[in-house]
Amino acid sequence: MDITDTKEKMDEFKGVLVGMGQAALEIHAKVGQDVFDKYEIKSDPVKFEAEEKHESLVEELIKDHDPQLVAGGPTQNTIRVAQWMLRKGGQTAFVGTNSDDDNGDLLEECTKSAGVFPYYFKIDGKPTCTHACLTKDDDHVSIINPGTAEVFNPEDMTEESCCRVMRQAKYYYMEGYMLPVSLEAIVTVGRHALENEKLIVMNFSDPGIVKNNNSELASALGYSKYIIGHEDELEALRERLSFGDNVRECVQKLADLPGRWGGKRIIICTRGSNSTLVSIEGADVFEVEVEPLSDGEIVDMHGAGAAFAGGFLSQLVRERSVIDCVKAGHWAARAMIMTSGTQLPDECSFRPVFGPPLPP
């Protein structure tokens, strides 16, 4: 499978960054106890998969509760944040799946309104993935209908319109959640990046992905120059590979491993409100401090990790230093935590350090 065969000029997408992952229409709504009672929802667990009794929930939320509709899913949230911080519209694109249903139409509208170029493969026989994100008093519950997020056909990537999007980009961002869905799609992008001296940023996404997808993860990491992970994910990797006695040692050892391009990696390990650990190509690990938030400033932790990655990417594509990228990630995560849901303000107040202008 090759995405470099044809040389036709790309007409639609002229940006620099493409994210590929699972797409979801996020429906953020404030509800009362009546909704919890009607759909038999409890405050624990805070995230679970929808059952038959939740079938009409999304429709009711959209009709009766004036929700925030967001183009969501981890990668799509990351790309939205990167686009928001880059300011100039059309610098990013998202490649994923949805269905030819009403929620699929809403998802595409939300993506476009965020300034992100949408490229969705239509999946027959499954509904568009939705996340019903409910807030009741201090309770936050997310009910997921995976639908089209469970399917990604790598052969669709040979479509010429998709190839044009992928060829245009210089940076690619992918999530660990894609590994059990379509490793072949990740490898396809990886080969293109390798052959054309482009960069891939990979996010581990979840400790379970690290623990349960050994060969798939090894294949994907072979193409990934930058790897972002939370300390829980790096700890899972350390245990599986016996990489040192602690997370710090694991970060350095992983950065020291050569990739398919012949060089080493840059590893970013976030630790919530604690400093972020960084190793550049196996050098000694250093820390980038996190500006603390007071209890009164913390509104909603949902999407903080995706926001960090988006902030990081927004400066990576501007060719800024790793420290500047991490600081931008901290700023973005902070902004997300201080916001209810994952809907971003219209204006971005981030002021980057001086860097090269974005391509016209």
Protein backbone atom coordinates (compact mmCIF):
# COMPACT_ATOMS: atom_id res chain seq x y z
CA MET A 1 0.00 0.00 0.00
CA ASP A 2 1.55 3.32 -1.10
CA ILE A 3 0.29 6.87 -0.63
CA THR A 4 2.95 8.53 -2.80
CA ASP A 5 2.07 7.22 -6.26
CA THR A 6 0.24 10.19 -7.78
CA LYS A 7 1.48 13.77 -7.93
CA GLU A 8 -1.72 15.74 -8.45
CA LYS A 9 -1.84 19.10 -6.69
CA MET A 10 -3.77 19.05 -3.43
CA ASP A 11 -6.69 21.47 -3.68
CA GLU A 12 -8.45 21.24 -0.34
CA PHE A 13 -5.96 20.78 2.49
CA LYS A 14 -2.86 22.96 2.54
CA GLY A 15 -1.79 22.55 6.15
CA VAL A 16 1.10 20.85 7.91
CA LEU A 17 -0.39 18.46 10.51
CA VAL A 18 -2.65 15.42 10.16
CA GLY A 19 -4.11 13.41 13.03
CA MET A 20 -5.44 9.89 12.49
CA GLY A 21 -7.55 8.15 15.08
CA GLN A 22 -10.97 7.31 16.43
CA ALA A 23 -13.59 10.02 15.94
CA ALA A 24 -16.53 10.68 18.23
CA LEU A 25 -19.29 13.24 18.46
CA GLU A 26 -19.09 14.48 22.03
CA ILE A 27 -22.36 15.72 23.53
CA HIS A 28 -21.70 17.72 26.70
CA ALA A 29 -24.87 18.41 28.67
CA LYS A 30 -25.89 19.46 32.15
CA VAL A 31 -28.71 17.24 33.34
CA GLY A 32 -30.79 16.61 36.43
CA GLN A 33 -31.47 13.54 38.52
CA ASP A 34 -34.44 12.77 36.25
CA VAL A 35 -32.11 11.87 33.36
CA PHE A 36 -29.95 9.70 35.64
CA ASP A 37 -33.08 7.92 36.87
CA LYS A 38 -34.62 7.47 33.42
CA TYR A 39 -31.49 5.87 31.95
CA GLU A 40 -30.39 4.12 35.17
CA ILE A 41 -27.11 6.05 35.32
CA LYS A 42 -24.97 6.08 38.45
CA SER A 43 -22.06 8.38 39.29
CA ASP A 44 -19.70 5.39 39.40
CA PRO A 45 -18.27 4.21 37.04
CA VAL A 46 -17.54 7.58 35.48
CA LYS A 47 -17.07 6.09 32.00
CA PHE A 48 -18.80 3.08 30.48
CA GLU A 49 -20.16 1.71 27.22
CA ALA A 50 -23.76 2.39 26.25
CA GLU A 51 -26.34 -0.36 26.58
CA GLU A 52 -29.68 -0.85 24.85
CA LYS A 53 -31.43 1.20 27.54
CA HIS A 54 -29.33 4.25 26.54
CA GLU A 55 -30.37 4.08 22.87
CA SER A 56 -32.37 7.33 22.87
CA LEU A 57 -30.11 9.27 25.24
CA VAL A 58 -28.09 11.19 22.66
CA GLU A 59 -31.17 12.20 20.70
CA GLU A 60 -32.83 13.46 23.89
CA LEU A 61 -29.74 15.42 24.95
CA ILE A 62 -29.50 17.15 21.57
CA LYS A 63 -33.22 17.90 21.48
CA ASP A 64 -33.92 18.97 25.05
CA HIS A 65 -30.72 19.94 26.88
CA ASP A 66 -28.95 22.52 24.68
CA PRO A 67 -25.65 20.59 24.76
CA GLN A 68 -22.20 21.56 23.58
CA LEU A 69 -21.41 19.49 20.49
CA VAL A 70 -17.73 18.81 19.97
CA ALA A 71 -15.70 16.94 17.37
CA GLY A 72 -14.13 14.57 19.88
CA GLY A 73 -12.19 11.44 20.47
CA PRO A 74 -8.62 11.72 21.83
CA THR A 75 -6.82 12.46 18.55
CA GLN A 76 -9.49 14.77 17.23
CA ASN A 77 -9.45 16.74 20.50
CA THR A 78 -5.67 17.00 20.19
CA ILE A 79 -5.88 18.27 16.61
CA ARG A 80 -8.57 20.80 17.54
CA VAL A 81 -6.36 22.20 20.28
CA ALA A 82 -3.36 22.40 17.95
CA GLN A 83 -5.46 24.20 15.34
CA TRP A 84 -6.84 26.60 17.97
CA MET A 85 -3.34 27.53 19.12
CA LEU A 86 -2.01 27.87 15.58
CA ARG A 87 -4.86 30.32 14.88
CA LYS A 88 -4.47 30.27 11.11
CA GLY A 89 -7.36 28.15 9.79
CA GLY A 90 -6.75 24.97 7.81
CA GLN A 91 -3.33 24.11 9.26
CA THR A 92 -4.58 20.74 10.48
CA ALA A 93 -6.61 17.80 9.21
CA PHE A 94 -8.19 14.78 10.85
CA VAL A 95 -8.58 11.34 9.25
CA GLY A 96 -11.06 8.96 10.85
CA THR A 97 -14.39 7.20 10.40
CA ASN A 98 -18.06 8.05 10.82
CA SER A 99 -21.40 6.96 9.43
CA ASP A 100 -23.79 8.49 6.96
CA ASP A 101 -26.24 9.42 9.73
CA ASP A 102 -27.33 12.63 11.48
CA ASN A 103 -24.61 12.37 14.10
CA GLY A 104 -22.04 11.87 11.37
CA ASP A 105 -23.20 15.11 9.73
CA LEU A 106 -23.00 16.92 13.06
CA LEU A 107 -19.50 15.55 13.63
CA GLU A 108 -18.26 16.89 10.30
CA GLU A 109 -19.86 20.28 10.96
CA CYS A 110 -18.12 20.49 14.33
CA THR A 111 -14.78 19.57 12.80
CA LYS A 112 -15.07 22.24 10.14
CA SER A 113 -16.18 24.87 12.64
CA ALA A 114 -12.96 24.20 14.59
CA GLY A 115 -10.91 25.07 11.50
CA VAL A 116 -9.83 21.45 11.00
CA PHE A 117 -10.08 19.83 7.58
CA PRO A 118 -12.25 16.69 7.99
CA TYR A 119 -11.60 13.46 6.14
CA TYR A 120 -13.98 10.72 7.23
CA PHE A 121 -14.35 7.27 5.73
CA LYS A 122 -18.02 6.30 5.79
CA ILE A 123 -18.70 2.98 7.54
CA ASP A 124 -21.85 1.05 6.67
CA GLY A 125 -23.84 -0.83 9.28
CA LYS A 126 -22.61 1.06 12.36
CA PRO A 127 -23.70 4.36 13.92
CA THR A 128 -21.31 7.27 14.30
CA CYS A 129 -19.41 6.97 17.57
CA THR A 130 -20.83 9.20 20.32
CA HIS A 131 -19.71 10.19 23.80
CA ALA A 132 -22.57 11.45 25.97
CA CYS A 133 -20.75 13.52 28.59
CA LEU A 134 -23.17 14.28 31.43
CA THR A 135 -22.72 16.71 34.28
CA LYS A 136 -25.02 16.55 37.29
CA ASP A 137 -23.94 18.72 40.18
CA ASP A 138 -20.39 17.46 40.92
CA ASP A 139 -20.83 14.20 39.00
CA HIS A 140 -19.29 13.75 35.54
CA VAL A 141 -20.25 10.63 33.58
CA SER A 142 -19.33 9.63 30.02
CA ILE A 143 -21.41 7.05 28.14
CA ILE A 144 -19.75 5.77 24.99
CA ASN A 145 -21.37 4.20 21.94
CA PRO A 146 -18.24 3.08 20.01
CA GLY A 147 -19.98 2.44 16.67
CA THR A 148 -17.72 3.48 13.79
CA ALA A 149 -14.70 4.02 16.08
CA GLU A 150 -14.24 0.25 16.07
CA VAL A 151 -13.60 0.13 12.31
CA PHE A 152 -10.83 1.54 10.12
CA ASN A 153 -10.25 -0.07 6.73
CA PRO A 154 -6.64 0.58 5.66
CA GLU A 155 -7.47 0.02 2.00
CA ASP A 156 -9.57 3.22 2.13
CA MET A 157 -6.32 5.15 2.52
CA THR A 158 -5.48 4.41 -1.11
CA GLU A 159 -8.27 6.77 -2.21
CA GLU A 160 -6.61 9.59 -4.12
CA SER A 161 -8.37 12.30 -2.09
CA CYS A 162 -6.98 10.78 1.13
CA CYS A 163 -3.52 10.38 -0.37
CA ARG A 164 -3.46 14.09 -1.22
CA VAL A 165 -4.21 14.99 2.39
CA MET A 166 -1.49 12.69 3.70
CA ARG A 167 1.10 13.85 1.16
CA GLN A 168 0.51 17.50 2.01
CA ALA A 169 1.30 17.11 5.71
CA LYS A 170 4.77 17.21 7.24
CA TYR A 171 3.74 15.96 10.67
CA TYR A 172 1.48 13.05 11.66
CA TYR A 173 -0.08 12.37 15.05
CA MET A 174 -1.54 8.99 15.97
CA GLU A 175 -3.02 7.44 19.08
CA GLY A 176 -2.41 4.09 20.71
CA TYR A 177 -6.13 3.36 20.53
CA MET A 178 -5.64 2.76 16.78
CA LEU A 179 -3.31 -0.19 17.35
CA PRO A 180 -6.00 -2.86 17.92
CA VAL A 181 -8.21 -1.30 15.23
CA SER A 182 -5.81 -0.95 12.29
CA LEU A 183 -2.08 -1.37 12.69
CA GLU A 184 -1.81 -1.54 8.89
CA ALA A 185 -3.06 2.04 8.58
CA ILE A 186 -0.42 3.24 11.05
CA VAL A 187 2.33 1.37 9.20
CA THR A 188 1.17 2.84 5.89
CA VAL A 189 1.58 6.36 7.22
CA GLY A 190 4.83 5.38 8.91
CA ARG A 191 6.36 4.16 5.66
CA HIS A 192 5.33 7.32 3.86
CA ALA A 193 6.84 9.46 6.62
CA LEU A 194 10.06 7.45 6.57
CA GLU A 195 10.45 7.65 2.80
CA ASN A 196 9.76 11.38 2.74
CA GLU A 197 11.64 12.51 5.87
CA LYS A 198 8.50 13.52 7.76
CA LEU A 199 7.79 13.18 11.47
CA ILE A 200 5.38 10.97 13.41
CA VAL A 201 4.26 11.70 16.96
CA MET A 202 2.70 8.74 18.79
CA ASN A 203 0.65 8.84 21.99
CA PHE A 204 0.45 5.68 24.10
CA SER A 205 -3.15 6.65 25.06
CA ASP A 206 -3.76 4.10 27.82
CA PRO A 207 -1.84 1.62 30.02
CA GLY A 208 -4.03 -1.18 28.67
CA ILE A 209 -2.86 -0.44 25.13
CA VAL A 210 0.75 -0.79 26.25
CA LYS A 211 0.09 -4.04 28.11
CA ASN A 212 -2.08 -5.79 25.53
CA ASN A 213 -0.67 -4.86 22.10
CA ASN A 214 2.99 -5.89 22.27
CA SER A 215 3.82 -6.59 18.64
CA GLU A 216 1.53 -3.84 17.32
CA LEU A 217 3.12 -1.27 19.61
CA ALA A 218 6.62 -2.32 18.61
CA SER A 219 5.74 -1.91 14.93
CA ALA A 220 4.21 1.53 15.41
CA LEU A 221 7.01 2.85 17.62
CA GLY A 222 9.53 1.95 14.93
CA TYR A 223 8.28 4.92 12.92
CA SER A 224 7.70 7.35 15.80
CA LYS A 225 10.30 10.05 16.43
CA TYR A 226 8.28 11.62 19.26
CA ILE A 227 6.38 9.62 21.87
CA ILE A 228 4.02 11.15 24.42
CA GLY A 229 2.77 9.15 27.37
CA HIS A 230 1.47 9.53 30.90
CA GLU A 231 3.58 8.06 33.68
CA ASP A 232 1.06 5.21 34.13
CA GLU A 233 1.66 4.18 30.52
CA LEU A 234 5.44 4.42 30.84
CA GLU A 235 5.23 2.36 34.03
CA ALA A 236 3.28 -0.31 32.12
CA LEU A 237 5.97 -0.33 29.44
CA ARG A 238 8.74 -0.50 32.05
CA GLU A 239 7.14 -3.54 33.66
CA ARG A 240 6.62 -5.29 30.35
CA LEU A 241 10.13 -4.68 28.97
CA SER A 242 12.06 -4.56 32.28
CA PHE A 243 13.23 -1.07 31.30
CA GLY A 244 14.99 0.12 34.43
CA ASP A 245 13.89 0.39 38.04
CA ASN A 246 11.58 3.40 37.66
CA VAL A 247 9.75 5.55 35.11
CA ARG A 248 12.63 8.00 34.75
CA GLU A 249 14.97 5.19 33.69
CA CYS A 250 12.33 3.84 31.31
CA VAL A 251 11.99 7.25 29.63
CA GLN A 252 15.73 7.43 28.99
CA LYS A 253 16.04 3.85 27.76
CA LEU A 254 13.11 4.26 25.37
CA ALA A 255 14.60 7.50 24.01
CA ASP A 256 17.90 5.71 23.44
CA LEU A 257 16.39 3.04 21.20
CA PRO A 258 16.96 3.62 17.47
CA GLY A 259 13.99 4.02 15.14
CA ARG A 260 13.68 2.87 11.54
CA TRP A 261 15.16 6.19 10.38
CA GLY A 262 18.42 5.30 12.14
CA GLY A 263 18.20 7.95 14.86
CA LYS A 264 16.90 7.94 18.40
CA ARG A 265 13.68 9.28 19.92
CA ILE A 266 12.31 12.11 22.01
CA ILE A 267 10.15 10.90 24.90
CA ILE A 268 7.69 13.10 26.78
CA CYS A 269 6.26 11.70 30.03
CA THR A 270 3.48 13.72 31.63
CA ARG A 271 2.70 13.32 35.33
CA GLY A 272 -0.39 15.40 35.97
CA SER A 273 0.40 18.34 38.22
CA ASN A 274 3.97 17.07 38.70
CA SER A 275 6.79 18.09 36.38
CA THR A 276 6.99 16.51 32.91
CA LEU A 277 9.93 14.18 32.23
CA VAL A 278 11.81 14.53 28.93
CA SER A 279 14.66 12.63 27.32
CA ILE A 280 16.07 13.76 23.98
CA GLU A 281 17.65 10.90 22.08
CA GLY A 282 18.71 9.04 25.21
CA ALA A 283 20.31 11.97 27.01
CA ASP A 284 19.78 12.43 30.73
CA VAL A 285 16.17 12.98 31.69
CA PHE A 286 15.26 16.55 32.59
CA GLU A 287 12.08 18.02 34.05
CA VAL A 288 9.79 20.81 32.90
CA GLU A 289 7.82 22.25 35.79
CA VAL A 290 4.01 22.52 35.69
CA GLU A 291 2.35 25.72 36.87
CA PRO A 292 -0.05 24.59 39.61
CA LEU A 293 -3.78 25.27 39.59
CA SER A 294 -5.73 26.06 42.72
CA ASP A 295 -8.71 23.90 43.64
CA GLY A 296 -11.01 26.73 42.59
CA GLU A 297 -9.50 26.84 39.10
CA ILE A 298 -10.07 23.14 38.40
CA VAL A 299 -13.34 22.74 36.52
CA ASP A 300 -13.11 19.54 34.46
CA MET A 301 -10.16 17.17 33.93
CA HIS A 302 -11.72 15.62 30.82
CA GLY A 303 -9.49 16.10 27.77
CA ALA A 304 -6.43 17.43 29.62
CA GLY A 305 -4.08 14.81 28.17
CA ALA A 306 -5.33 15.39 24.63
CA ALA A 307 -4.95 19.14 25.15
CA PHE A 308 -1.34 18.72 26.27
CA ALA A 309 -0.54 16.83 23.06
CA GLY A 310 -2.30 19.53 21.00
CA GLY A 311 -0.32 22.30 22.63
CA PHE A 312 2.91 20.36 22.10
CA LEU A 313 2.13 19.83 18.42
CA SER A 314 1.21 23.47 17.87
CA GLN A 315 4.80 24.46 18.58
CA LEU A 316 6.46 21.39 17.08
CA VAL A 317 5.13 22.33 13.63
CA ARG A 318 6.61 25.79 14.21
CA GLU A 319 9.98 24.10 14.75
CA ARG A 320 10.31 25.29 18.32
CA SER A 321 12.49 23.64 20.96
CA VAL A 322 11.26 20.61 22.89
CA ILE A 323 11.04 22.72 26.06
CA ASP A 324 8.90 25.31 24.28
CA CYS A 325 6.66 22.52 22.96
CA VAL A 326 6.24 21.04 26.45
CA LYS A 327 5.46 24.45 27.95
CA ALA A 328 2.81 24.99 25.27
CA GLY A 329 1.38 21.57 26.17
CA HIS A 330 1.19 22.60 29.81
CA TRP A 331 -0.59 25.82 28.85
CA ALA A 332 -3.13 23.94 26.74
CA ALA A 333 -3.83 21.33 29.43
CA ARG A 334 -4.30 24.11 31.96
CA ALA A 335 -6.75 25.90 29.66
CA MET A 336 -8.73 22.67 29.15
CA ILE A 337 -8.89 21.89 32.87
CA MET A 338 -10.29 25.35 33.55
CA THR A 339 -13.08 24.75 31.00
CA SER A 340 -16.23 22.66 31.33
CA GLY A 341 -16.19 19.92 28.71
CA THR A 342 -13.79 20.06 25.77
CA GLN A 343 -15.29 23.02 23.92
CA LEU A 344 -12.61 25.64 23.35
CA PRO A 345 -13.14 29.41 23.62
CA ASP A 346 -13.41 31.28 20.31
CA GLU A 347 -10.19 33.16 20.99
CA CYS A 348 -6.89 31.60 22.04
CA SER A 349 -4.85 33.76 24.42
CA PHE A 350 -1.66 31.73 24.06
CA ARG A 351 1.31 33.81 22.98
CA PRO A 352 4.12 31.65 21.58
CA VAL A 353 7.75 32.55 21.61
CA PHE A 354 9.00 33.94 18.32
CA GLY A 355 9.26 31.31 15.64
CA PRO A 356 9.24 30.88 11.88
CA PRO A 357 5.98 31.86 10.14
CA LEU A 358 3.57 29.13 9.13
CA PRO A 359 3.57 28.17 5.44
CA PRO A 360 1.20 30.24 3.26
